Amino acid sequence: MISQSDVAGRLRLLRYGLIVLVVITFLVSLLAPFVYTRDLGTSMTEFLGTAVLFTVVVGVLAVAVYFGYSMLLKRSMGQDSTS
């Protein structure tokens, strides 16, 4: 049986992990193209739009995963307590 504090701990860990994933996505999508094309005279701001787009997509997916996992945990906690 999953306790309420265990559910809160799991959700907190997932939330922080997803925040780190979104930040890493932004940094990689901004800096990776710049590193490969800096010899061509490109600036970092040329890749800012793409980086923001990728970050928004990953952020929306992260929110969906968080709420889906939250509902799954709450549903499994409800089934365990009725058994």
C-alpha atoms as a PDB file:
ATOM      1  CA  MET A   1       0.000   0.000   0.000  1.00  0.00           C
ATOM      2  CA  ILE A   2       1.286   3.455  -0.891  1.00  0.00           C
ATOM      3  CA  SER A   3       1.098   6.053   1.867  1.00  0.00           C
ATOM      4  CA  GLN A   4       0.222   9.693   1.293  1.00  0.00           C
ATOM      5  CA  SER A   5       3.743  10.870   2.183  1.00  0.00           C
ATOM      6  CA  ASP A   6       5.202   8.353  -0.287  1.00  0.00           C
ATOM      7  CA  VAL A   7       2.962   9.715  -3.045  1.00  0.00           C
ATOM      8  CA  ALA A   8       4.024  13.271  -2.221  1.00  0.00           C
ATOM      9  CA  GLY A   9       7.689  12.260  -2.262  1.00  0.00           C
ATOM     10  CA  ARG A  10       7.383  10.491  -5.594  1.00  0.00           C
ATOM     11  CA  LEU A  11       5.595  13.450  -7.166  1.00  0.00           C
ATOM     12  CA  ARG A  12       8.164  15.900  -5.791  1.00  0.00           C
ATOM     13  CA  LEU A  13      11.028  13.816  -7.189  1.00  0.00           C
ATOM     14  CA  LEU A  14       9.318  13.557 -10.588  1.00  0.00           C
ATOM     15  CA  ARG A  15       8.578  17.289 -10.632  1.00  0.00           C
ATOM     16  CA  TYR A  16      12.200  18.228  -9.933  1.00  0.00           C
ATOM     17  CA  GLY A  17      13.442  15.714 -12.481  1.00  0.00           C
ATOM     18  CA  LEU A  18      11.157  17.110 -15.149  1.00  0.00           C
ATOM     19  CA  ILE A  19      12.261  20.670 -14.372  1.00  0.00           C
ATOM     20  CA  VAL A  20      15.883  19.606 -14.819  1.00  0.00           C
ATOM     21  CA  LEU A  21      14.936  17.909 -18.102  1.00  0.00           C
ATOM     22  CA  VAL A  22      13.325  21.106 -19.430  1.00  0.00           C
ATOM     23  CA  VAL A  23      16.331  23.233 -18.460  1.00  0.00           C
ATOM     24  CA  ILE A  24      18.780  20.765 -20.025  1.00  0.00           C
ATOM     25  CA  THR A  25      16.653  20.689 -23.188  1.00  0.00           C
ATOM     26  CA  PHE A  26      16.867  24.463 -23.459  1.00  0.00           C
ATOM     27  CA  LEU A  27      20.615  24.547 -22.938  1.00  0.00           C
ATOM     28  CA  VAL A  28      21.380  21.710 -25.338  1.00  0.00           C
ATOM     29  CA  SER A  29      19.079  22.992 -28.072  1.00  0.00           C
ATOM     30  CA  LEU A  30      20.619  26.449 -27.768  1.00  0.00           C
ATOM     31  CA  LEU A  31      24.290  25.597 -27.384  1.00  0.00           C
ATOM     32  CA  ALA A  32      24.751  22.460 -29.542  1.00  0.00           C
ATOM     33  CA  PRO A  33      24.013  24.143 -32.895  1.00  0.00           C
ATOM     34  CA  PHE A  34      26.095  27.144 -31.862  1.00  0.00           C
ATOM     35  CA  VAL A  35      29.120  24.995 -31.071  1.00  0.00           C
ATOM     36  CA  TYR A  36      28.981  23.303 -34.469  1.00  0.00           C
ATOM     37  CA  THR A  37      28.468  26.487 -36.484  1.00  0.00           C
ATOM     38  CA  ARG A  38      30.489  29.085 -34.573  1.00  0.00           C
ATOM     39  CA  ASP A  39      33.267  28.873 -37.162  1.00  0.00           C
ATOM     40  CA  LEU A  40      30.784  30.079 -39.785  1.00  0.00           C
ATOM     41  CA  GLY A  41      30.214  33.330 -37.897  1.00  0.00           C
ATOM     42  CA  THR A  42      26.800  32.569 -36.452  1.00  0.00           C
ATOM     43  CA  SER A  43      25.553  34.125 -33.243  1.00  0.00           C
ATOM     44  CA  MET A  44      23.822  32.332 -30.420  1.00  0.00           C
ATOM     45  CA  THR A  45      20.627  34.340 -30.892  1.00  0.00           C
ATOM     46  CA  GLU A  46      20.016  32.690 -34.265  1.00  0.00           C
ATOM     47  CA  PHE A  47      19.122  29.468 -32.467  1.00  0.00           C
ATOM     48  CA  LEU A  48      17.028  31.048 -29.720  1.00  0.00           C
ATOM     49  CA  GLY A  49      13.689  30.534 -31.476  1.00  0.00           C
ATOM     50  CA  THR A  50      14.317  26.856 -32.057  1.00  0.00           C
ATOM     51  CA  ALA A  51      15.535  26.405 -28.489  1.00  0.00           C
ATOM     52  CA  VAL A  52      12.406  28.038 -27.085  1.00  0.00           C
ATOM     53  CA  LEU A  53      10.195  25.912 -29.337  1.00  0.00           C
ATOM     54  CA  PHE A  54      11.862  22.673 -28.222  1.00  0.00           C
ATOM     55  CA  THR A  55      11.683  23.789 -24.597  1.00  0.00           C
ATOM     56  CA  VAL A  56       7.961  24.557 -24.818  1.00  0.00           C
ATOM     57  CA  VAL A  57       7.260  21.160 -26.408  1.00  0.00           C
ATOM     58  CA  VAL A  58       9.251  19.323 -23.749  1.00  0.00           C
ATOM     59  CA  GLY A  59       7.598  21.428 -21.032  1.00  0.00           C
ATOM     60  CA  VAL A  60       4.103  20.547 -22.256  1.00  0.00           C
ATOM     61  CA  LEU A  61       5.037  16.863 -22.409  1.00  0.00           C
ATOM     62  CA  ALA A  62       6.517  17.097 -18.908  1.00  0.00           C
ATOM     63  CA  VAL A  63       3.292  18.583 -17.535  1.00  0.00           C
ATOM     64  CA  ALA A  64       1.279  15.820 -19.204  1.00  0.00           C
ATOM     65  CA  VAL A  65       3.566  13.137 -17.763  1.00  0.00           C
ATOM     66  CA  TYR A  66       3.370  14.714 -14.299  1.00  0.00           C
ATOM     67  CA  PHE A  67      -0.419  14.884 -14.223  1.00  0.00           C
ATOM     68  CA  GLY A  68      -0.743  11.415 -15.737  1.00  0.00           C
ATOM     69  CA  TYR A  69       1.582   9.929 -13.125  1.00  0.00           C
ATOM     70  CA  SER A  70      -0.223  11.859 -10.394  1.00  0.00           C
ATOM     71  CA  MET A  71      -3.568  10.406 -11.449  1.00  0.00           C
ATOM     72  CA  LEU A  72      -2.046   6.925 -11.678  1.00  0.00           C
ATOM     73  CA  LEU A  73      -0.628   7.167  -8.152  1.00  0.00           C
ATOM     74  CA  LYS A  74      -3.863   8.507  -6.700  1.00  0.00           C
ATOM     75  CA  ARG A  75      -5.877   5.823  -8.456  1.00  0.00           C
ATOM     76  CA  SER A  76      -3.565   3.032  -7.262  1.00  0.00           C
ATOM     77  CA  MET A  77      -3.598   4.451  -3.738  1.00  0.00           C
ATOM     78  CA  GLY A  78      -7.411   4.406  -3.761  1.00  0.00           C
ATOM     79  CA  GLN A  79      -7.533   0.792  -4.963  1.00  0.00           C
ATOM     80  CA  ASP A  80      -5.069  -0.400  -2.311  1.00  0.00           C
ATOM     81  CA  SER A  81      -7.021   1.174   0.538  1.00  0.00           C
ATOM     82  CA  THR A  82     -10.327  -0.453  -0.508  1.00  0.00           C
ATOM     83  CA  SER A  83      -8.823  -3.955  -0.745  1.00  0.00           C
END
